[in-house]
């Protein structure tokens, strides 16, 4: 048999006032609960997610970083952190046997969040003459957690570079790339 507690009043701890529940526990609905704003969310909670998918091909043979996509977010608080995630299929094309390197990074405005010229994520490979004029496809992805320390809009840029002039195709015509920004309560 289930137990029941029946009382007329519940007093505060110091006995100076009463708390009237009036069947609030059994009749409570989600509509009667207070809304939680971003300020009430515990550290580590996801506050918002913005994402962008790009389907256009972009080719680069630059040894310096070239922007391949961008996305903006407005943090709820200066203590928020932003997880920057990038995923794309890329392919490499060359007609010679050559070793190559491709690097990707994220910028917050003009600040490189990666390790200088080696960025956040990288790919390396050797293109053999037996594969001449073929495309070699790979997946390029990274995640990095940033602390922008602002509640103003912030734009993140994903950039790519290569170590030679033979070309990297950032997602081919049949593929797509995604940039996702996730605000996390700090």
Foldseek 3Di string as FASTA:
>chain_A
DDDDDDDDWDAPPVRPGTDDCPCCVVPPDPVPDDDDALVNDDFFDWHDKDKDKFQDKDKAAALDWDFPDKDKDFAPALQKKKKKKKKFKKKFADQAWAKKKKAKFKAWVPRTPADPSRHFWMDIDTDHNVCGGHIGMDMTMGIDMGRPSHRGMIMMTMIMHMDGRRMMMTHDNVIMMMIMMIIGHD
